[in-house]
Amino acid sequence: MPKTMKALLLRQHGDVSDLEVVNDYPVPAPKPGEVLIRVGASSFNYHDVFTVKGMPGIKVPLPVIIGLDMAGEIVELGEGVAGWSVGDRVLVNPLNPAKGLMGEMLDGGMAEYCAVSAGQLIKMPGDVSFVDAAALPVAYGTAHRMLVTHKTVKPGDTVLILGASGGVGTGCVMLAKEMGCEVIACAGSEDKMARLKELGADHVVNYRTTDFSKWAVEKYGKPQRRTHEGGVDVVINFTGGDTWAPSLKCVKRGGSILVCGATAGHDPKEDLRYIWSFELKVIGSNSFYHENLSALMDMIQEGRLKPVVDKVLPLEEAAEGLRMIRDREVMGKIVVTP
């Protein structure tokens, strides 16, 4: 086992250009209850942008290796670890219940090796690649819990998805189609719209040139207070900001708005009249669990799901991949192989 390794290090909060690839970071020794994995692949999420910038109220212990999502192979067992063997291929749930998120409160996956609590490990099916597995946790796990675990959509529903070209968004598009929904995918470029159609979206809307709420009303009719006519059944909105109030206006009476984040702002303008007048349900969904990740890997194994990976980059180019996510130049996920 080497003494040092290559890693993507955050030494101080700032811009993604401040991230540094080092070649002499100590390889961690697994503590009791931990395993050491050789990282096969790690993927970025928009959360990593916030980690680099710094978030109010969250004190990140610097320096830290960023990267929440990772998959790899066990190369060493810590004292007391049972049920796992050297050579096992594993996906890591990035949430350590005692210490917080990998890549934020603990060293994460953007490195050649990572020490992980055995309780965070999920065995990978044989035909699932490290790249596909590493794309899953934060993005697809969140989408799976929001749609499947919470049973928020059903066959035949019209589902409008904002931010459809990102990690969570592409997961929502594919899962909603898998569940028999009519999917409206909103994105910010013609190229992304074309690729979303290839993923199975029934309709695509360019939110930069078209008011998505007015489009939905023109397509499905104006929601009615006394009947269940007009509007879409579900809006998936994890952007917040100035998209929130328009979302309220295009949902049919008794419909739902699903929320799992707020990448464009957590304190949007609100209009409670729509919520009570149209009996809207605002349903929050937080994080994901082992069962969501296992179910997603089973779907990959069965050929029912293929995570959307925009680029697979070497660790030396990882910071550029995170910049692309920050600037919304990505379709799906950026995966890094150390």
Protein backbone atom coordinates (compact mmCIF):
# COMPACT_ATOMS: atom_id res chain seq x y z
CA MET A 1 0.00 0.00 0.00
CA PRO A 2 1.48 3.40 -0.95
CA LYS A 3 2.08 5.99 1.77
CA THR A 4 0.80 8.97 -0.22
CA MET A 5 -1.82 9.55 -2.89
CA LYS A 6 -3.20 12.02 -5.39
CA ALA A 7 -6.16 14.10 -4.15
CA LEU A 8 -8.25 17.18 -4.99
CA LEU A 9 -7.87 19.44 -1.98
CA LEU A 10 -9.86 22.41 -0.73
CA ARG A 11 -7.56 24.48 1.50
CA GLN A 12 -9.68 27.64 1.76
CA HIS A 13 -13.15 28.70 0.66
CA GLY A 14 -13.33 30.63 -2.57
CA ASP A 15 -13.62 29.75 -6.23
CA VAL A 16 -13.28 26.38 -7.95
CA SER A 17 -9.97 27.66 -9.34
CA ASP A 18 -8.63 27.55 -5.77
CA LEU A 19 -8.91 23.74 -5.70
CA GLU A 20 -5.52 22.04 -5.80
CA VAL A 21 -4.48 18.59 -7.01
CA VAL A 22 -1.75 17.29 -4.69
CA ASN A 23 0.36 14.17 -5.09
CA ASP A 24 1.57 13.75 -1.51
CA TYR A 25 -1.61 13.51 0.56
CA PRO A 26 -1.29 10.74 3.20
CA VAL A 27 -3.20 7.55 2.42
CA PRO A 28 -5.58 7.17 5.38
CA ALA A 29 -5.40 4.13 7.62
CA PRO A 30 -8.84 2.64 8.33
CA LYS A 31 -9.90 3.12 11.95
CA PRO A 32 -11.94 0.50 13.83
CA GLY A 33 -15.22 0.00 11.99
CA GLU A 34 -13.85 1.47 8.75
CA VAL A 35 -12.55 0.10 5.47
CA LEU A 36 -10.10 1.61 3.02
CA ILE A 37 -11.32 1.70 -0.55
CA ARG A 38 -9.39 2.32 -3.73
CA VAL A 39 -11.63 4.83 -5.45
CA GLY A 40 -12.82 3.65 -8.86
CA ALA A 41 -14.88 6.74 -9.64
CA SER A 42 -16.27 9.79 -7.89
CA SER A 43 -18.84 12.30 -9.11
CA PHE A 44 -19.59 15.97 -8.50
CA ASN A 45 -22.85 17.54 -7.39
CA TYR A 46 -23.91 21.17 -7.15
CA HIS A 47 -23.43 20.76 -3.41
CA ASP A 48 -19.68 20.67 -4.09
CA VAL A 49 -19.93 24.18 -5.55
CA PHE A 50 -21.48 25.36 -2.27
CA THR A 51 -18.79 23.55 -0.26
CA VAL A 52 -16.00 25.27 -2.18
CA LYS A 53 -17.65 28.66 -1.84
CA GLY A 54 -18.53 28.19 1.83
CA MET A 55 -22.00 27.97 3.35
CA PRO A 56 -23.29 30.08 6.26
CA GLY A 57 -23.57 28.03 9.44
CA ILE A 58 -21.50 25.10 8.15
CA LYS A 59 -17.91 25.03 9.35
CA VAL A 60 -15.94 22.74 7.06
CA PRO A 61 -12.74 21.35 8.63
CA LEU A 62 -10.09 22.52 6.16
CA PRO A 63 -8.16 21.21 4.36
CA VAL A 64 -10.62 18.64 3.03
CA ILE A 65 -10.83 16.36 -0.01
CA ILE A 66 -14.10 17.20 -1.73
CA GLY A 67 -16.51 14.85 -3.49
CA LEU A 68 -19.64 13.30 -1.95
CA ASP A 69 -20.25 10.39 -4.32
CA MET A 70 -17.83 7.51 -4.82
CA ALA A 71 -17.55 3.85 -5.68
CA GLY A 72 -14.54 1.60 -5.44
CA GLU A 73 -12.92 -1.60 -4.21
CA ILE A 74 -12.10 -2.51 -0.62
CA VAL A 75 -8.34 -2.88 -0.15
CA GLU A 76 -8.06 -2.99 3.65
CA LEU A 77 -10.34 -3.76 6.60
CA GLY A 78 -10.21 -1.90 9.89
CA GLU A 79 -10.50 -3.63 13.23
CA GLY A 80 -13.92 -5.10 13.98
CA VAL A 81 -15.29 -4.95 10.42
CA ALA A 82 -17.43 -7.99 9.60
CA GLY A 83 -19.40 -8.94 6.51
CA TRP A 84 -16.98 -7.35 4.06
CA SER A 85 -13.86 -8.65 2.33
CA VAL A 86 -10.87 -7.21 0.52
CA GLY A 87 -11.82 -7.08 -3.16
CA ASP A 88 -15.51 -6.31 -2.64
CA ARG A 89 -16.85 -3.68 -5.04
CA VAL A 90 -18.87 -1.09 -3.13
CA LEU A 91 -20.89 2.08 -3.54
CA VAL A 92 -20.58 4.53 -0.65
CA ASN A 93 -23.56 6.31 0.88
CA PRO A 94 -21.94 9.73 1.45
CA LEU A 95 -23.75 10.38 4.73
CA ASN A 96 -21.83 9.31 7.82
CA PRO A 97 -24.53 9.46 10.52
CA ALA A 98 -22.04 10.38 13.24
CA LYS A 99 -19.90 12.92 11.41
CA GLY A 100 -21.81 14.28 8.41
CA LEU A 101 -21.23 14.30 4.67
CA MET A 102 -18.17 12.92 2.94
CA GLY A 103 -16.42 15.66 1.00
CA GLU A 104 -17.60 18.25 3.50
CA MET A 105 -17.12 17.17 7.11
CA LEU A 106 -14.90 14.22 6.14
CA ASP A 107 -12.49 13.59 3.28
CA GLY A 108 -14.45 12.59 0.19
CA GLY A 109 -14.02 10.71 -3.04
CA MET A 110 -11.83 12.95 -5.19
CA ALA A 111 -8.71 10.96 -4.35
CA GLU A 112 -7.09 7.62 -5.06
CA TYR A 113 -8.09 6.17 -1.67
CA CYS A 114 -10.71 6.94 0.96
CA ALA A 115 -11.43 5.58 4.45
CA VAL A 116 -15.13 4.91 4.92
CA SER A 117 -17.30 3.63 7.75
CA ALA A 118 -18.45 0.08 6.97
CA GLY A 119 -22.02 1.16 7.68
CA GLN A 120 -21.93 3.39 4.61
CA LEU A 121 -21.12 0.58 2.18
CA ILE A 122 -23.52 -0.93 -0.35
CA LYS A 123 -22.47 -3.99 -2.37
CA MET A 124 -22.44 -3.41 -6.10
CA PRO A 125 -24.04 -5.86 -8.56
CA GLY A 126 -21.54 -7.45 -10.89
CA ASP A 127 -22.56 -5.68 -14.09
CA VAL A 128 -22.66 -2.14 -12.65
CA SER A 129 -19.57 -0.05 -13.43
CA PHE A 130 -17.83 2.25 -10.96
CA VAL A 131 -18.69 5.23 -13.20
CA ASP A 132 -22.41 4.44 -13.24
CA ALA A 133 -22.51 3.68 -9.51
CA ALA A 134 -20.65 6.87 -8.59
CA ALA A 135 -23.22 8.90 -10.54
CA LEU A 136 -26.06 7.71 -8.31
CA PRO A 137 -26.08 8.79 -4.65
CA VAL A 138 -26.86 12.49 -4.29
CA ALA A 139 -28.59 13.03 -7.65
CA TYR A 140 -30.36 9.79 -8.51
CA GLY A 141 -30.82 8.72 -4.89
CA THR A 142 -32.57 12.02 -4.17
CA ALA A 143 -34.79 11.66 -7.25
CA HIS A 144 -35.68 8.05 -6.39
CA ARG A 145 -36.68 8.91 -2.82
CA MET A 146 -38.70 11.94 -3.96
CA LEU A 147 -40.66 10.08 -6.64
CA VAL A 148 -40.66 6.41 -5.69
CA THR A 149 -40.33 6.20 -1.90
CA HIS A 150 -42.79 9.03 -1.28
CA LYS A 151 -45.16 7.75 -4.00
CA THR A 152 -45.68 11.25 -5.37
CA VAL A 153 -46.32 10.35 -9.02
CA LYS A 154 -48.45 7.72 -10.69
CA PRO A 155 -48.93 6.41 -14.22
CA GLY A 156 -50.58 8.99 -16.48
CA ASP A 157 -49.56 12.04 -14.42
CA THR A 158 -48.26 15.10 -16.24
CA VAL A 159 -44.95 15.98 -14.55
CA LEU A 160 -43.11 19.24 -15.25
CA ILE A 161 -39.44 19.15 -14.24
CA LEU A 162 -37.37 22.30 -13.75
CA GLY A 163 -33.60 21.98 -14.00
CA ALA A 164 -34.15 18.80 -15.98
CA SER A 165 -30.68 18.68 -17.50
CA GLY A 166 -28.74 18.33 -14.23
CA GLY A 167 -28.05 15.24 -12.15
CA VAL A 168 -31.28 15.23 -10.13
CA GLY A 169 -33.22 16.45 -13.15
CA THR A 170 -32.14 13.70 -15.54
CA GLY A 171 -32.85 11.19 -12.78
CA CYS A 172 -36.36 12.59 -12.41
CA VAL A 173 -36.96 12.49 -16.18
CA MET A 174 -35.98 8.83 -16.48
CA LEU A 175 -37.73 7.68 -13.30
CA ALA A 176 -40.95 9.53 -14.16
CA LYS A 177 -40.97 7.95 -17.63
CA GLU A 178 -40.25 4.55 -16.09
CA MET A 179 -43.34 5.07 -13.91
CA GLY A 180 -45.57 5.88 -16.88
CA CYS A 181 -45.80 9.67 -16.62
CA GLU A 182 -46.04 12.33 -19.33
CA VAL A 183 -42.87 14.35 -18.81
CA ILE A 184 -42.25 18.03 -19.55
CA ALA A 185 -38.52 18.79 -19.21
CA CYS A 186 -37.30 22.38 -18.83
CA ALA A 187 -33.73 23.28 -19.76
CA GLY A 188 -31.71 26.31 -20.87
CA SER A 189 -30.38 25.39 -24.32
CA GLU A 190 -31.48 23.75 -27.53
CA ASP A 191 -28.75 21.11 -27.19
CA LYS A 192 -29.92 20.11 -23.72
CA MET A 193 -33.53 20.03 -24.91
CA ALA A 194 -32.62 17.67 -27.74
CA ARG A 195 -30.77 15.36 -25.38
CA LEU A 196 -33.70 15.37 -22.94
CA LYS A 197 -35.98 14.26 -25.76
CA GLU A 198 -33.56 11.39 -26.38
CA LEU A 199 -33.89 10.45 -22.70
CA GLY A 200 -37.64 10.12 -23.15
CA ALA A 201 -39.09 13.52 -22.28
CA ASP A 202 -42.43 13.97 -24.07
CA HIS A 203 -42.11 17.77 -24.25
CA VAL A 204 -39.18 20.15 -23.76
CA VAL A 205 -39.28 23.84 -22.86
CA ASN A 206 -36.45 26.37 -23.03
CA TYR A 207 -36.93 28.33 -19.82
CA ARG A 208 -34.60 31.10 -21.06
CA THR A 209 -36.89 31.99 -23.97
CA THR A 210 -40.26 30.67 -22.79
CA ASP A 211 -42.27 31.21 -19.60
CA PHE A 212 -42.69 27.57 -18.53
CA SER A 213 -45.77 28.33 -16.44
CA LYS A 214 -47.60 30.10 -19.28
CA TRP A 215 -46.54 27.30 -21.65
CA ALA A 216 -48.10 24.71 -19.33
CA VAL A 217 -51.33 26.70 -19.02
CA GLU A 218 -51.56 27.07 -22.80
CA LYS A 219 -50.88 23.35 -23.27
CA TYR A 220 -53.04 21.88 -20.49
CA GLY A 221 -55.50 24.66 -19.70
CA LYS A 222 -55.80 27.11 -16.84
CA PRO A 223 -56.17 25.39 -13.44
CA GLN A 224 -59.72 25.64 -12.07
CA ARG A 225 -60.69 26.23 -8.43
CA ARG A 226 -63.93 24.24 -8.55
CA THR A 227 -62.91 21.34 -10.76
CA HIS A 228 -59.77 19.33 -11.38
CA GLU A 229 -59.45 20.56 -14.95
CA GLY A 230 -56.43 22.40 -16.34
CA GLY A 231 -52.81 22.49 -15.25
CA VAL A 232 -50.22 19.77 -14.68
CA ASP A 233 -50.39 17.14 -11.96
CA VAL A 234 -46.89 17.64 -10.56
CA VAL A 235 -44.14 20.26 -10.73
CA ILE A 236 -40.69 19.19 -9.59
CA ASN A 237 -38.92 22.34 -8.40
CA PHE A 238 -35.52 22.10 -6.70
CA THR A 239 -34.39 25.48 -8.03
CA GLY A 240 -36.56 27.84 -5.96
CA GLY A 241 -35.73 31.51 -6.47
CA ASP A 242 -37.81 33.24 -9.11
CA THR A 243 -39.18 29.92 -10.43
CA TRP A 244 -41.28 29.31 -7.32
CA ALA A 245 -44.22 31.68 -7.82
CA PRO A 246 -44.71 30.67 -11.49
CA SER A 247 -44.72 27.01 -10.41
CA LEU A 248 -47.76 27.64 -8.21
CA LYS A 249 -49.73 28.99 -11.15
CA CYS A 250 -49.60 25.97 -13.46
CA VAL A 251 -50.50 23.10 -11.07
CA LYS A 252 -54.03 21.70 -11.22
CA ARG A 253 -56.31 21.65 -8.22
CA GLY A 254 -55.10 18.95 -5.83
CA GLY A 255 -51.74 18.74 -7.59
CA SER A 256 -48.27 18.65 -6.05
CA ILE A 257 -45.04 20.60 -6.03
CA LEU A 258 -42.04 18.44 -5.09
CA VAL A 259 -39.05 20.11 -3.44
CA CYS A 260 -35.62 18.65 -2.67
CA GLY A 261 -33.40 21.72 -2.90
CA ALA A 262 -33.17 25.39 -3.81
CA THR A 263 -30.19 25.96 -6.11
CA ALA A 264 -31.49 29.38 -7.25
CA GLY A 265 -32.52 30.66 -3.83
CA HIS A 266 -34.18 29.31 -0.68
CA ASP A 267 -36.31 32.37 0.17
CA PRO A 268 -38.51 32.93 -2.89
CA LYS A 269 -41.53 35.16 -3.27
CA GLU A 270 -44.58 33.20 -2.09
CA ASP A 271 -48.27 33.46 -2.94
CA LEU A 272 -50.30 31.44 -0.46
CA ARG A 273 -53.54 32.12 -2.33
CA TYR A 274 -52.67 29.47 -4.91
CA ILE A 275 -51.89 26.87 -2.26
CA TRP A 276 -55.24 27.12 -0.51
CA SER A 277 -57.38 28.02 -3.55
CA PHE A 278 -56.16 25.04 -5.56
CA GLU A 279 -55.54 22.71 -2.60
CA LEU A 280 -51.92 22.28 -3.61
CA LYS A 281 -49.59 19.89 -1.84
CA VAL A 282 -46.00 21.04 -1.30
CA ILE A 283 -44.00 17.88 -0.55
CA GLY A 284 -40.42 18.04 0.66
CA SER A 285 -37.91 15.24 0.25
CA ASN A 286 -34.55 15.12 1.99
CA SER A 287 -31.60 12.95 1.05
CA PHE A 288 -31.78 9.20 0.31
CA TYR A 289 -31.14 5.86 1.99
CA HIS A 290 -29.40 2.58 1.25
CA GLU A 291 -32.57 1.12 -0.21
CA ASN A 292 -32.80 3.91 -2.81
CA LEU A 293 -29.22 3.30 -3.97
CA SER A 294 -29.64 -0.48 -4.03
CA ALA A 295 -32.84 -0.16 -6.04
CA LEU A 296 -31.13 2.13 -8.55
CA MET A 297 -28.20 -0.27 -9.00
CA ASP A 298 -30.68 -3.08 -9.57
CA MET A 299 -32.34 -0.96 -12.27
CA ILE A 300 -28.95 -0.49 -13.96
CA GLN A 301 -28.23 -4.22 -13.69
CA GLU A 302 -31.63 -4.98 -15.28
CA GLY A 303 -31.09 -2.51 -18.12
CA ARG A 304 -33.92 -0.22 -16.98
CA LEU A 305 -31.71 2.77 -16.15
CA LYS A 306 -28.51 4.27 -17.52
CA PRO A 307 -27.19 7.28 -15.57
CA VAL A 308 -26.48 10.29 -17.76
CA VAL A 309 -22.76 11.08 -17.60
CA ASP A 310 -21.66 14.18 -19.51
CA LYS A 311 -17.92 13.63 -19.09
CA VAL A 312 -15.49 11.30 -17.35
CA LEU A 313 -12.41 13.30 -16.36
CA PRO A 314 -9.06 12.50 -14.78
CA LEU A 315 -8.40 14.00 -11.35
CA GLU A 316 -6.08 16.61 -12.90
CA GLU A 317 -9.10 18.10 -14.75
CA ALA A 318 -11.62 17.76 -11.92
CA ALA A 319 -11.73 21.47 -11.03
CA GLU A 320 -12.73 22.28 -14.61
CA GLY A 321 -15.55 19.74 -14.32
CA LEU A 322 -16.85 21.46 -11.21
CA ARG A 323 -16.67 24.83 -12.98
CA MET A 324 -18.85 23.39 -15.75
CA ILE A 325 -21.41 22.32 -13.16
CA ARG A 326 -21.32 25.75 -11.55
CA ASP A 327 -21.86 27.44 -14.91
CA ARG A 328 -24.61 24.98 -15.89
CA GLU A 329 -22.75 23.66 -18.93
CA VAL A 330 -23.40 20.03 -17.99
CA MET A 331 -25.98 17.48 -19.06
CA GLY A 332 -26.28 14.96 -16.23
CA LYS A 333 -23.17 14.15 -14.21
CA ILE A 334 -19.44 14.84 -14.23
CA VAL A 335 -17.53 11.76 -13.08
CA VAL A 336 -13.86 11.73 -12.10
CA THR A 337 -11.60 8.67 -12.19
CA PRO A 338 -8.47 9.16 -10.05
